[in-house]
C-alpha atoms as a PDB file:
ATOM      1  CA  MET A   1       4.978 -19.795-129.390  1.00  0.00           C
ATOM      2  CA  SER A   2       8.063 -17.837-128.376  1.00  0.00           C
ATOM      3  CA  HIS A   3       9.029 -16.915-124.851  1.00  0.00           C
ATOM      4  CA  LYS A   4       9.215 -13.248-125.854  1.00  0.00           C
ATOM      5  CA  HIS A   5       5.487 -13.156-126.410  1.00  0.00           C
ATOM      6  CA  SER A   6       4.616 -14.851-123.141  1.00  0.00           C
ATOM      7  CA  VAL A   7       2.768 -12.512-120.789  1.00  0.00           C
ATOM      8  CA  PHE A   8       4.575 -13.933-117.796  1.00  0.00           C
ATOM      9  CA  LYS A   9       7.393 -11.639-116.708  1.00  0.00           C
ATOM     10  CA  ASP A  10       9.819 -12.574-113.966  1.00  0.00           C
ATOM     11  CA  ARG A  11      12.735 -10.173-114.546  1.00  0.00           C
ATOM     12  CA  VAL A  12      11.840  -6.531-115.034  1.00  0.00           C
ATOM     13  CA  PRO A  13      13.799  -3.244-114.866  1.00  0.00           C
ATOM     14  CA  VAL A  14      11.907  -0.571-112.886  1.00  0.00           C
ATOM     15  CA  HIS A  15      12.611   3.130-112.386  1.00  0.00           C
ATOM     16  CA  VAL A  16      11.295   4.413-109.060  1.00  0.00           C
ATOM     17  CA  PHE A  17      10.889   8.028-108.012  1.00  0.00           C
ATOM     18  CA  ALA A  18      10.087   8.839-104.392  1.00  0.00           C
ATOM     19  CA  GLY A  19       8.280  12.114-103.709  1.00  0.00           C
ATOM     20  CA  ASP A  20      10.148  15.324-102.882  1.00  0.00           C
ATOM     21  CA  GLY A  21       9.517  16.904 -99.495  1.00  0.00           C
ATOM     22  CA  GLY A  22       7.403  20.071 -99.529  1.00  0.00           C
ATOM     23  CA  ARG A  23       9.039  23.501 -99.205  1.00  0.00           C
ATOM     24  CA  GLY A  24       9.019  25.281 -95.854  1.00  0.00           C
ATOM     25  CA  CYS A  25       7.045  28.523 -95.759  1.00  0.00           C
ATOM     26  CA  SER A  26       8.372  31.969 -94.849  1.00  0.00           C
ATOM     27  CA  SER A  27       5.455  34.122 -93.656  1.00  0.00           C
ATOM     28  CA  PHE A  28       4.412  36.465 -90.835  1.00  0.00           C
ATOM     29  CA  LEU A  29       1.280  36.718 -88.803  1.00  0.00           C
ATOM     30  CA  ARG A  30      -0.856  39.520 -90.217  1.00  0.00           C
ATOM     31  CA  GLU A  31      -4.072  40.279 -88.344  1.00  0.00           C
ATOM     32  CA  LYS A  32      -6.096  43.449 -88.010  1.00  0.00           C
ATOM     33  CA  PHE A  33      -4.818  44.468 -84.585  1.00  0.00           C
ATOM     34  CA  ILE A  34      -1.377  42.762 -84.838  1.00  0.00           C
ATOM     35  CA  PRO A  35       0.319  44.571 -87.735  1.00  0.00           C
ATOM     36  CA  PHE A  36       3.793  43.235 -86.895  1.00  0.00           C
ATOM     37  CA  GLY A  37       3.104  39.654 -85.791  1.00  0.00           C
ATOM     38  CA  GLY A  38       5.870  37.085 -85.555  1.00  0.00           C
ATOM     39  CA  PRO A  39       6.948  34.414 -88.054  1.00  0.00           C
ATOM     40  CA  ASP A  40       4.324  31.713 -88.684  1.00  0.00           C
ATOM     41  CA  GLY A  41       5.566  29.810 -91.742  1.00  0.00           C
ATOM     42  CA  GLY A  42       4.860  26.044 -91.472  1.00  0.00           C
ATOM     43  CA  ASP A  43       6.982  23.091 -92.531  1.00  0.00           C
ATOM     44  CA  GLY A  44       6.738  21.183 -95.795  1.00  0.00           C
ATOM     45  CA  GLY A  45       5.245  17.679 -95.743  1.00  0.00           C
ATOM     46  CA  LEU A  46       7.210  14.457 -96.245  1.00  0.00           C
ATOM     47  CA  GLY A  47       7.553  13.065 -99.756  1.00  0.00           C
ATOM     48  CA  GLY A  48       5.953   9.671-100.355  1.00  0.00           C
ATOM     49  CA  SER A  49       8.202   6.594-100.446  1.00  0.00           C
ATOM     50  CA  VAL A  50       8.083   3.765-103.009  1.00  0.00           C
ATOM     51  CA  ILE A  51       7.407   0.442-101.272  1.00  0.00           C
ATOM     52  CA  LEU A  52       7.233  -3.097-102.647  1.00  0.00           C
ATOM     53  CA  GLU A  53       4.759  -5.371-100.893  1.00  0.00           C
ATOM     54  CA  ALA A  54       4.617  -9.149-101.346  1.00  0.00           C
ATOM     55  CA  SER A  55       1.160 -10.420-102.227  1.00  0.00           C
ATOM     56  CA  ARG A  56      -0.013 -13.988-102.712  1.00  0.00           C
ATOM     57  CA  ASP A  57      -2.610 -12.624-105.161  1.00  0.00           C
ATOM     58  CA  VAL A  58       0.065 -11.545-107.668  1.00  0.00           C
ATOM     59  CA  ASP A  59       1.988 -14.193-109.622  1.00  0.00           C
ATOM     60  CA  SER A  60       4.025 -12.205-112.137  1.00  0.00           C
ATOM     61  CA  LEU A  61       5.824  -8.877-112.589  1.00  0.00           C
ATOM     62  CA  VAL A  62       3.858  -8.151-115.748  1.00  0.00           C
ATOM     63  CA  ALA A  63       2.241  -4.968-114.323  1.00  0.00           C
ATOM     64  CA  LEU A  64       5.687  -3.448-113.729  1.00  0.00           C
ATOM     65  CA  TYR A  65       6.824  -4.543-117.184  1.00  0.00           C
ATOM     66  CA  TYR A  66       4.107  -2.409-118.783  1.00  0.00           C
ATOM     67  CA  VAL A  67       4.521   0.547-116.376  1.00  0.00           C
ATOM     68  CA  PRO A  68       8.277   0.664-115.611  1.00  0.00           C
ATOM     69  CA  ASN A  69       8.244   4.220-114.207  1.00  0.00           C
ATOM     70  CA  GLN A  70       6.724   4.339-110.731  1.00  0.00           C
ATOM     71  CA  ARG A  71       6.283   7.623-108.819  1.00  0.00           C
ATOM     72  CA  ALA A  72       5.166   8.417-105.279  1.00  0.00           C
ATOM     73  CA  ASP A  73       3.494  11.761-104.422  1.00  0.00           C
ATOM     74  CA  HIS A  74       5.406  14.902-103.447  1.00  0.00           C
ATOM     75  CA  GLY A  75       4.882  16.424-100.016  1.00  0.00           C
ATOM     76  CA  GLY A  76       2.720  19.571 -99.787  1.00  0.00           C
ATOM     77  CA  HIS A  77       4.358  22.957 -99.172  1.00  0.00           C
ATOM     78  CA  GLY A  78       4.126  24.595 -95.762  1.00  0.00           C
ATOM     79  CA  LYS A  79       1.678  27.495 -95.349  1.00  0.00           C
ATOM     80  CA  GLY A  80       1.180  30.464 -93.079  1.00  0.00           C
ATOM     81  CA  ALA A  81      -0.485  30.187 -89.656  1.00  0.00           C
ATOM     82  CA  LYS A  82       2.044  27.427 -88.881  1.00  0.00           C
ATOM     83  CA  CYS A  83       0.283  25.017 -91.224  1.00  0.00           C
ATOM     84  CA  THR A  84       2.391  21.978 -92.172  1.00  0.00           C
ATOM     85  CA  GLY A  85       2.057  20.723 -95.739  1.00  0.00           C
ATOM     86  CA  GLU A  86       0.385  17.366 -96.293  1.00  0.00           C
ATOM     87  CA  ASN A  87       2.611  14.305 -96.450  1.00  0.00           C
ATOM     88  CA  GLY A  88       2.903  12.775 -99.923  1.00  0.00           C
ATOM     89  CA  LYS A  89       1.163   9.425-100.297  1.00  0.00           C
ATOM     90  CA  ASP A  90       3.451   6.377-100.346  1.00  0.00           C
ATOM     91  CA  LEU A  91       3.297   4.305-103.518  1.00  0.00           C
ATOM     92  CA  ILE A  92       2.788   0.644-102.606  1.00  0.00           C
ATOM     93  CA  ILE A  93       3.522  -1.759-105.456  1.00  0.00           C
ATOM     94  CA  LYS A  94       2.157  -5.298-105.069  1.00  0.00           C
ATOM     95  CA  VAL A  95       4.616  -7.950-106.278  1.00  0.00           C
ATOM     96  CA  PRO A  96       4.677 -11.762-106.010  1.00  0.00           C
ATOM     97  CA  CYS A  97       6.089 -13.421-102.891  1.00  0.00           C
ATOM     98  CA  GLY A  98       9.704 -14.266-103.708  1.00  0.00           C
ATOM     99  CA  THR A  99      10.596 -10.999-105.494  1.00  0.00           C
ATOM    100  CA  GLU A 100      14.232  -9.974-105.169  1.00  0.00           C
ATOM    101  CA  VAL A 101      15.420  -6.405-105.831  1.00  0.00           C
ATOM    102  CA  ARG A 102      18.849  -5.360-107.098  1.00  0.00           C
ATOM    103  CA  GLU A 103      20.453  -2.140-108.293  1.00  0.00           C
ATOM    104  CA  LEU A 104      20.067  -2.270-112.073  1.00  0.00           C
ATOM    105  CA  ARG A 105      23.618  -1.336-113.098  1.00  0.00           C
ATOM    106  CA  SER A 106      25.793  -2.697-110.305  1.00  0.00           C
ATOM    107  CA  GLY A 107      23.646  -5.748-109.505  1.00  0.00           C
ATOM    108  CA  ASP A 108      23.992  -4.927-105.784  1.00  0.00           C
ATOM    109  CA  PHE A 109      21.385  -6.735-103.678  1.00  0.00           C
ATOM    110  CA  ILE A 110      18.866  -4.340-102.068  1.00  0.00           C
ATOM    111  CA  GLY A 111      16.400  -6.738-100.478  1.00  0.00           C
ATOM    112  CA  GLU A 112      13.591  -9.225-101.060  1.00  0.00           C
ATOM    113  CA  VAL A 113       9.978  -9.792-100.042  1.00  0.00           C
ATOM    114  CA  LEU A 114       9.110 -13.411 -99.309  1.00  0.00           C
ATOM    115  CA  GLU A 115       6.020 -13.562 -97.085  1.00  0.00           C
ATOM    116  CA  HIS A 116       2.542 -12.218 -97.904  1.00  0.00           C
ATOM    117  CA  GLY A 117       2.320  -8.622 -96.635  1.00  0.00           C
ATOM    118  CA  GLN A 118       6.091  -8.152 -96.204  1.00  0.00           C
ATOM    119  CA  GLN A 119       7.218  -4.684 -97.329  1.00  0.00           C
ATOM    120  CA  LEU A 120      10.508  -3.250 -98.606  1.00  0.00           C
ATOM    121  CA  VAL A 121      11.141   0.497 -99.006  1.00  0.00           C
ATOM    122  CA  VAL A 122      13.054   0.819-102.290  1.00  0.00           C
ATOM    123  CA  ALA A 123      13.079   4.636-102.556  1.00  0.00           C
ATOM    124  CA  LYS A 124      12.660   6.951 -99.566  1.00  0.00           C
ATOM    125  CA  GLY A 125      10.648  10.159 -99.751  1.00  0.00           C
ATOM    126  CA  GLY A 126      12.408  13.477 -99.040  1.00  0.00           C
ATOM    127  CA  LYS A 127      11.951  15.423 -95.802  1.00  0.00           C
ATOM    128  CA  GLY A 128      10.012  18.670 -95.893  1.00  0.00           C
ATOM    129  CA  GLY A 129      11.791  21.995 -95.500  1.00  0.00           C
ATOM    130  CA  ARG A 130      11.356  23.819 -92.171  1.00  0.00           C
ATOM    131  CA  GLY A 131       9.332  27.030 -92.074  1.00  0.00           C
ATOM    132  CA  ASN A 132      10.604  30.343 -90.666  1.00  0.00           C
ATOM    133  CA  VAL A 133       8.650  29.824 -87.426  1.00  0.00           C
ATOM    134  CA  HIS A 134      11.609  27.731 -86.216  1.00  0.00           C
ATOM    135  CA  PHE A 135      14.181  30.511 -86.559  1.00  0.00           C
ATOM    136  CA  LYS A 136      12.779  33.145 -84.200  1.00  0.00           C
ATOM    137  CA  THR A 137      15.084  33.996 -81.263  1.00  0.00           C
ATOM    138  CA  ALA A 138      15.175  36.776 -78.668  1.00  0.00           C
ATOM    139  CA  THR A 139      17.547  38.756 -80.873  1.00  0.00           C
ATOM    140  CA  HIS A 140      16.106  37.681 -84.229  1.00  0.00           C
ATOM    141  CA  GLN A 141      12.394  38.505 -84.091  1.00  0.00           C
ATOM    142  CA  ALA A 142      11.589  38.539 -87.803  1.00  0.00           C
ATOM    143  CA  PRO A 143      13.475  35.647 -89.471  1.00  0.00           C
ATOM    144  CA  THR A 144      12.835  34.927 -93.131  1.00  0.00           C
ATOM    145  CA  GLU A 145      15.045  31.804 -93.257  1.00  0.00           C
ATOM    146  CA  ILE A 146      13.688  28.420 -94.187  1.00  0.00           C
ATOM    147  CA  THR A 147      15.559  25.140 -94.792  1.00  0.00           C
ATOM    148  CA  GLU A 148      15.609  23.484 -98.196  1.00  0.00           C
ATOM    149  CA  ASN A 149      13.306  20.549 -98.784  1.00  0.00           C
ATOM    150  CA  GLU A 150      14.930  17.195 -99.561  1.00  0.00           C
ATOM    151  CA  LEU A 151      14.420  15.533-102.930  1.00  0.00           C
ATOM    152  CA  GLY A 152      13.030  12.006-103.006  1.00  0.00           C
ATOM    153  CA  GLU A 153      15.335   9.138-103.959  1.00  0.00           C
ATOM    154  CA  LYS A 154      15.418   8.049-107.594  1.00  0.00           C
ATOM    155  CA  LYS A 155      16.626   4.535-108.355  1.00  0.00           C
ATOM    156  CA  ASP A 156      16.959   2.176-111.300  1.00  0.00           C
ATOM    157  CA  LEU A 157      16.162  -1.315-110.077  1.00  0.00           C
ATOM    158  CA  LEU A 158      15.915  -4.858-111.360  1.00  0.00           C
ATOM    159  CA  CYS A 159      13.056  -6.855-109.879  1.00  0.00           C
ATOM    160  CA  GLU A 160      13.445 -10.601-110.205  1.00  0.00           C
ATOM    161  CA  LEU A 161      10.918 -13.238-109.215  1.00  0.00           C
ATOM    162  CA  LYS A 162      12.239 -16.469-107.706  1.00  0.00           C
ATOM    163  CA  THR A 163       9.242 -18.704-107.115  1.00  0.00           C
ATOM    164  CA  ILE A 164       8.719 -19.907-103.584  1.00  0.00           C
ATOM    165  CA  ALA A 165       7.533 -23.495-103.581  1.00  0.00           C
ATOM    166  CA  ASP A 166       8.083 -26.493-101.342  1.00  0.00           C
ATOM    167  CA  VAL A 167       8.568 -28.850-104.255  1.00  0.00           C
ATOM    168  CA  GLY A 168       9.976 -28.201-107.732  1.00  0.00           C
ATOM    169  CA  LEU A 169       9.123 -30.482-110.677  1.00  0.00           C
ATOM    170  CA  VAL A 170      12.150 -30.891-112.930  1.00  0.00           C
ATOM    171  CA  GLY A 171      12.100 -32.634-116.287  1.00  0.00           C
ATOM    172  CA  TYR A 172      12.455 -32.422-120.028  1.00  0.00           C
ATOM    173  CA  PRO A 173       9.662 -31.019-122.191  1.00  0.00           C
ATOM    174  CA  ASN A 174       6.869 -33.598-122.577  1.00  0.00           C
ATOM    175  CA  ALA A 175       7.941 -35.624-119.525  1.00  0.00           C
ATOM    176  CA  GLY A 176       4.424 -35.121-118.117  1.00  0.00           C
ATOM    177  CA  LYS A 177       5.132 -32.482-115.453  1.00  0.00           C
ATOM    178  CA  SER A 178       2.066 -30.389-116.272  1.00  0.00           C
ATOM    179  CA  THR A 179      -0.110 -33.509-116.267  1.00  0.00           C
ATOM    180  CA  LEU A 180       1.340 -34.521-112.893  1.00  0.00           C
ATOM    181  CA  LEU A 181       0.799 -31.033-111.438  1.00  0.00           C
ATOM    182  CA  ALA A 182      -2.838 -31.126-112.567  1.00  0.00           C
ATOM    183  CA  ALA A 183      -3.249 -34.609-111.074  1.00  0.00           C
ATOM    184  CA  VAL A 184      -1.862 -33.800-107.612  1.00  0.00           C
ATOM    185  CA  SER A 185      -2.952 -30.188-107.091  1.00  0.00           C
ATOM    186  CA  ASN A 186      -5.479 -27.440-107.762  1.00  0.00           C
ATOM    187  CA  ALA A 187      -3.510 -26.075-110.743  1.00  0.00           C
ATOM    188  CA  HIS A 188      -4.982 -26.220-114.243  1.00  0.00           C
ATOM    189  CA  PRO A 189      -2.028 -25.983-116.624  1.00  0.00           C
ATOM    190  CA  LYS A 190      -2.452 -26.043-120.392  1.00  0.00           C
ATOM    191  CA  ILE A 191      -1.245 -29.434-121.544  1.00  0.00           C
ATOM    192  CA  ALA A 192      -0.097 -30.163-125.086  1.00  0.00           C
ATOM    193  CA  ALA A 193       2.479 -32.361-126.775  1.00  0.00           C
ATOM    194  CA  TYR A 194       5.077 -29.856-127.933  1.00  0.00           C
ATOM    195  CA  PRO A 195       8.287 -28.570-126.350  1.00  0.00           C
ATOM    196  CA  PHE A 196       7.947 -25.736-123.845  1.00  0.00           C
ATOM    197  CA  THR A 197       4.258 -26.295-123.197  1.00  0.00           C
ATOM    198  CA  THR A 198       4.888 -24.404-119.974  1.00  0.00           C
ATOM    199  CA  LEU A 199       6.224 -20.919-120.603  1.00  0.00           C
ATOM    200  CA  ASN A 200       6.090 -19.818-117.007  1.00  0.00           C
ATOM    201  CA  PRO A 201       6.538 -21.592-113.699  1.00  0.00           C
ATOM    202  CA  LEU A 202       3.105 -22.830-112.676  1.00  0.00           C
ATOM    203  CA  ILE A 203       2.321 -23.178-108.999  1.00  0.00           C
ATOM    204  CA  GLY A 204      -0.179 -25.673-107.680  1.00  0.00           C
ATOM    205  CA  THR A 205      -1.127 -26.376-104.088  1.00  0.00           C
ATOM    206  CA  ILE A 206      -1.758 -29.880-102.757  1.00  0.00           C
ATOM    207  CA  GLU A 207      -4.273 -29.584 -99.930  1.00  0.00           C
ATOM    208  CA  TYR A 208      -4.779 -32.375 -97.404  1.00  0.00           C
ATOM    209  CA  GLU A 209      -7.699 -33.099 -95.074  1.00  0.00           C
ATOM    210  CA  ASP A 210      -5.811 -31.778 -92.020  1.00  0.00           C
ATOM    211  CA  TYR A 211      -5.221 -28.466 -93.883  1.00  0.00           C
ATOM    212  CA  THR A 212      -1.558 -29.243 -94.572  1.00  0.00           C
ATOM    213  CA  LYS A 213      -0.580 -27.518 -97.816  1.00  0.00           C
ATOM    214  CA  ILE A 214       2.322 -28.190-100.163  1.00  0.00           C
ATOM    215  CA  ARG A 215       3.154 -25.716-102.923  1.00  0.00           C
ATOM    216  CA  VAL A 216       4.429 -27.412-106.078  1.00  0.00           C
ATOM    217  CA  ALA A 217       6.104 -25.512-108.925  1.00  0.00           C
ATOM    218  CA  ASP A 218       6.204 -26.902-112.443  1.00  0.00           C
ATOM    219  CA  ILE A 219       9.463 -25.520-113.819  1.00  0.00           C
ATOM    220  CA  PRO A 220       9.432 -25.271-117.645  1.00  0.00           C
ATOM    221  CA  GLY A 221      11.119 -28.166-119.436  1.00  0.00           C
ATOM    222  CA  LEU A 222      14.879 -27.989-119.481  1.00  0.00           C
ATOM    223  CA  ILE A 223      17.037 -28.750-122.475  1.00  0.00           C
ATOM    224  CA  ASP A 224      20.749 -29.479-122.632  1.00  0.00           C
ATOM    225  CA  GLY A 225      22.793 -26.310-122.186  1.00  0.00           C
ATOM    226  CA  ALA A 226      20.079 -24.643-120.075  1.00  0.00           C
ATOM    227  CA  ASN A 227      22.679 -23.627-117.480  1.00  0.00           C
ATOM    228  CA  GLU A 228      24.305 -21.460-120.177  1.00  0.00           C
ATOM    229  CA  GLY A 229      20.981 -19.836-120.984  1.00  0.00           C
ATOM    230  CA  ILE A 230      20.208 -22.062-123.986  1.00  0.00           C
ATOM    231  CA  GLY A 231      16.472 -22.501-124.596  1.00  0.00           C
ATOM    232  CA  LEU A 232      14.662 -20.953-121.659  1.00  0.00           C
ATOM    233  CA  GLY A 233      17.739 -21.688-119.544  1.00  0.00           C
ATOM    234  CA  HIS A 234      18.514 -19.220-116.787  1.00  0.00           C
ATOM    235  CA  ASP A 235      15.088 -17.643-117.113  1.00  0.00           C
ATOM    236  CA  PHE A 236      13.641 -20.613-115.277  1.00  0.00           C
ATOM    237  CA  LEU A 237      16.450 -22.445-113.524  1.00  0.00           C
ATOM    238  CA  ARG A 238      16.408 -19.747-110.847  1.00  0.00           C
ATOM    239  CA  HIS A 239      12.870 -20.775-109.899  1.00  0.00           C
ATOM    240  CA  ILE A 240      14.261 -24.086-108.670  1.00  0.00           C
ATOM    241  CA  GLU A 241      16.607 -22.330-106.231  1.00  0.00           C
ATOM    242  CA  ARG A 242      14.034 -21.880-103.478  1.00  0.00           C
ATOM    243  CA  ALA A 243      12.325 -25.272-103.743  1.00  0.00           C
ATOM    244  CA  SER A 244      13.406 -27.350-100.759  1.00  0.00           C
ATOM    245  CA  TYR A 245      12.632 -30.643-102.489  1.00  0.00           C
ATOM    246  CA  LEU A 246      12.890 -31.741-106.128  1.00  0.00           C
ATOM    247  CA  LEU A 247      10.895 -34.281-108.113  1.00  0.00           C
ATOM    248  CA  PHE A 248      12.675 -35.444-111.279  1.00  0.00           C
ATOM    249  CA  VAL A 249       9.859 -36.374-113.637  1.00  0.00           C
ATOM    250  CA  ILE A 250      11.228 -38.889-116.146  1.00  0.00           C
ATOM    251  CA  ASP A 251       9.387 -40.117-119.251  1.00  0.00           C
ATOM    252  CA  MET A 252      10.063 -43.819-118.645  1.00  0.00           C
ATOM    253  CA  ALA A 253       8.475 -44.746-121.981  1.00  0.00           C
ATOM    254  CA  GLY A 254      11.189 -42.812-123.846  1.00  0.00           C
ATOM    255  CA  THR A 255       8.476 -41.239-126.005  1.00  0.00           C
ATOM    256  CA  ASP A 256      10.810 -38.859-127.830  1.00  0.00           C
ATOM    257  CA  GLY A 257      13.338 -41.604-128.572  1.00  0.00           C
ATOM    258  CA  ARG A 258      15.632 -40.711-125.671  1.00  0.00           C
ATOM    259  CA  LYS A 259      16.938 -43.014-122.961  1.00  0.00           C
ATOM    260  CA  PRO A 260      15.348 -42.245-119.572  1.00  0.00           C
ATOM    261  CA  GLN A 261      18.658 -42.722-117.696  1.00  0.00           C
ATOM    262  CA  ASP A 262      20.354 -40.176-119.991  1.00  0.00           C
ATOM    263  CA  ASP A 263      17.539 -37.706-119.311  1.00  0.00           C
ATOM    264  CA  PHE A 264      18.029 -38.076-115.563  1.00  0.00           C
ATOM    265  CA  LYS A 265      21.827 -37.754-115.662  1.00  0.00           C
ATOM    266  CA  ASN A 266      21.662 -34.731-117.966  1.00  0.00           C
ATOM    267  CA  LEU A 267      19.052 -33.006-115.804  1.00  0.00           C
ATOM    268  CA  ARG A 268      21.196 -33.435-112.705  1.00  0.00           C
ATOM    269  CA  LYS A 269      24.216 -32.194-114.621  1.00  0.00           C
ATOM    270  CA  GLU A 270      22.347 -29.058-115.770  1.00  0.00           C
ATOM    271  CA  LEU A 271      21.294 -28.269-112.195  1.00  0.00           C
ATOM    272  CA  LYS A 272      24.816 -28.784-110.859  1.00  0.00           C
ATOM    273  CA  LEU A 273      26.347 -26.577-113.555  1.00  0.00           C
ATOM    274  CA  TYR A 274      23.817 -23.842-112.820  1.00  0.00           C
ATOM    275  CA  ARG A 275      24.302 -23.894-109.054  1.00  0.00           C
ATOM    276  CA  ALA A 276      26.532 -26.459-107.320  1.00  0.00           C
ATOM    277  CA  GLU A 277      24.420 -26.760-104.154  1.00  0.00           C
ATOM    278  CA  LEU A 278      21.428 -28.005-106.185  1.00  0.00           C
ATOM    279  CA  GLU A 279      23.292 -31.297-106.551  1.00  0.00           C
ATOM    280  CA  HIS A 280      22.699 -31.908-102.832  1.00  0.00           C
ATOM    281  CA  ARG A 281      19.032 -30.851-102.724  1.00  0.00           C
ATOM    282  CA  PRO A 282      16.821 -33.759-101.538  1.00  0.00           C
ATOM    283  CA  TYR A 283      15.006 -35.344-104.466  1.00  0.00           C
ATOM    284  CA  LEU A 284      12.846 -38.181-105.635  1.00  0.00           C
ATOM    285  CA  VAL A 285      12.707 -39.752-109.093  1.00  0.00           C
ATOM    286  CA  ILE A 286       9.237 -40.083-110.590  1.00  0.00           C
ATOM    287  CA  ALA A 287       8.993 -42.767-113.289  1.00  0.00           C
ATOM    288  CA  ASN A 288       6.112 -41.389-115.347  1.00  0.00           C
ATOM    289  CA  LYS A 289       4.141 -42.935-118.257  1.00  0.00           C
ATOM    290  CA  MET A 290       4.394 -46.423-116.741  1.00  0.00           C
ATOM    291  CA  ASP A 291       1.151 -47.250-118.586  1.00  0.00           C
ATOM    292  CA  VAL A 292       2.922 -46.940-121.959  1.00  0.00           C
ATOM    293  CA  GLU A 293       4.457 -49.922-123.752  1.00  0.00           C
ATOM    294  CA  GLY A 294       8.188 -50.345-123.141  1.00  0.00           C
ATOM    295  CA  ALA A 295       8.199 -48.405-119.880  1.00  0.00           C
ATOM    296  CA  LYS A 296       8.687 -51.480-117.639  1.00  0.00           C
ATOM    297  CA  LYS A 297      11.698 -52.667-119.667  1.00  0.00           C
ATOM    298  CA  ASN A 298      13.194 -49.153-119.599  1.00  0.00           C
ATOM    299  CA  LEU A 299      12.628 -48.918-115.838  1.00  0.00           C
ATOM    300  CA  ALA A 300      14.773 -52.003-115.166  1.00  0.00           C
ATOM    301  CA  ALA A 301      17.659 -50.523-117.190  1.00  0.00           C
ATOM    302  CA  PHE A 302      17.134 -47.150-115.467  1.00  0.00           C
ATOM    303  CA  LYS A 303      17.427 -48.651-111.969  1.00  0.00           C
ATOM    304  CA  ARG A 304      20.600 -50.537-112.885  1.00  0.00           C
ATOM    305  CA  SER A 305      22.189 -47.441-114.397  1.00  0.00           C
ATOM    306  CA  THR A 306      21.229 -44.798-111.827  1.00  0.00           C
ATOM    307  CA  LYS A 307      21.042 -46.841-108.588  1.00  0.00           C
ATOM    308  CA  THR A 308      17.797 -45.017-107.687  1.00  0.00           C
ATOM    309  CA  LYS A 309      14.379 -46.279-106.596  1.00  0.00           C
ATOM    310  CA  PRO A 310      11.841 -44.407-108.716  1.00  0.00           C
ATOM    311  CA  VAL A 311       8.207 -43.983-107.688  1.00  0.00           C
ATOM    312  CA  GLN A 312       6.147 -45.456-110.508  1.00  0.00           C
ATOM    313  CA  ILE A 313       3.152 -43.474-111.749  1.00  0.00           C
ATOM    314  CA  ALA A 314       1.044 -42.765-114.802  1.00  0.00           C
ATOM    315  CA  ALA A 315      -0.001 -39.137-114.320  1.00  0.00           C
ATOM    316  CA  ALA A 316      -2.436 -39.275-117.258  1.00  0.00           C
ATOM    317  CA  THR A 317      -4.470 -42.119-115.715  1.00  0.00           C
ATOM    318  CA  GLY A 318      -3.847 -41.276-112.042  1.00  0.00           C
ATOM    319  CA  GLN A 319      -2.022 -44.558-111.352  1.00  0.00           C
ATOM    320  CA  GLY A 320       0.344 -44.127-108.367  1.00  0.00           C
ATOM    321  CA  VAL A 321      -0.673 -40.486-107.774  1.00  0.00           C
ATOM    322  CA  PRO A 322      -2.413 -41.008-104.371  1.00  0.00           C
ATOM    323  CA  GLU A 323       0.683 -42.878-103.098  1.00  0.00           C
ATOM    324  CA  LEU A 324       2.947 -40.037-104.258  1.00  0.00           C
ATOM    325  CA  LYS A 325       0.743 -37.457-102.518  1.00  0.00           C
ATOM    326  CA  GLN A 326       0.961 -39.497 -99.319  1.00  0.00           C
ATOM    327  CA  MET A 327       4.771 -39.633 -99.550  1.00  0.00           C
ATOM    328  CA  LEU A 328       4.937 -35.856 -99.990  1.00  0.00           C
ATOM    329  CA  TYR A 329       2.604 -35.385 -97.028  1.00  0.00           C
ATOM    330  CA  GLU A 330       4.850 -37.493 -94.810  1.00  0.00           C
ATOM    331  CA  TRP A 331       7.898 -35.537 -96.021  1.00  0.00           C
ATOM    332  CA  LYS A 332       6.209 -32.194 -95.306  1.00  0.00           C
ATOM    333  CA  ARG A 333       5.125 -33.253 -91.809  1.00  0.00           C
ATOM    334  CA  GLY A 334       8.611 -34.569 -91.032  1.00  0.00           C
ATOM    335  CA  LEU A 335       7.282 -38.104 -90.616  1.00  0.00           C
ATOM    336  CA  ARG A 336       9.881 -39.511 -92.964  1.00  0.00           C
ATOM    337  CA  PHE A 337      12.881 -38.288 -94.908  1.00  0.00           C
ATOM    338  CA  ILE A 338      12.513 -39.263 -98.537  1.00  0.00           C
ATOM    339  CA  ASP A 339      15.684 -38.896-100.521  1.00  0.00           C
ATOM    340  CA  GLN A 340      17.547 -40.778-103.159  1.00  0.00           C
ATOM    341  CA  PRO A 341      21.135 -41.917-102.696  1.00  0.00           C
ATOM    342  CA  ASP A 342      23.411 -39.613-104.681  1.00  0.00           C
ATOM    343  CA  ALA A 343      23.281 -40.897-108.213  1.00  0.00           C
ATOM    344  CA  PRO A 344      26.568 -41.013-110.083  1.00  0.00           C
ATOM    345  CA  LEU A 345      26.948 -37.859-112.135  1.00  0.00           C
ATOM    346  CA  PRO A 346      28.082 -38.199-115.725  1.00  0.00           C
END
């Protein structure tokens, strides 16, 4: 299954067109007994703006991918009898929380929407033209002037989703991240034994009895060279940027014939090469698949090599999962600071 055919879209070019303001009206009062009434042309209405709104009910930019041209309504034209044209309706586009907007060609940052309900005007509607009613003076009783209506802004944008989660799961394909996410949270990822099981960042929420919630993102499996865009590379590394805590999920059984300590060192190296500050993000090592033969022997070598203290679990059977959830709860509530000593980088 190739990434190109995945329905999840997290980086989409969009062309937005705000509405033009309505034209001002040039007209004169004409009634039966007032043959030469004064000017009464009304103003044009405002053009609608294009607004992005963060919504927790949207998890991908796929709707924009299929409809890349987005237009707000034009303002109505002014009419006689001092009637102002109707304002054009704003176009409100719902996007996931964590959407960042840049100018498509220059890459200049325009803004971002992070919280549910937060709005960002990305193209402003034009002002309406003024009608001739405004131009009457003592010496100029019958003006025909109006002012031009403004055109709405037109912009080419790049919308990019950077997942907002408290905790990011980092690991190679088949390390058991999807299984772990399903075990600790309300997420129901598809789980299968082939590389890139996860083609989009999956978000699960761990809910506790006191209503504390922790959002956990399963970042698709990394491979060596991901920081250069190899594999799914940059497409998904950026989703780690906003996670305030990382869980390195390591296949301690070495199922694919790799050494667990090499996996860990290479993962940290990929993160550092992608963005230097990720090296200092608080993290915990999760020794997964501890129920599989050979895992205990590998764990001893792993501890010696990396100088870390992994939390031992078997996500598939649930072993160690309640303890891990409790640790994350205490971290979230500020009851304890869980972090590994900086492991030596390769």
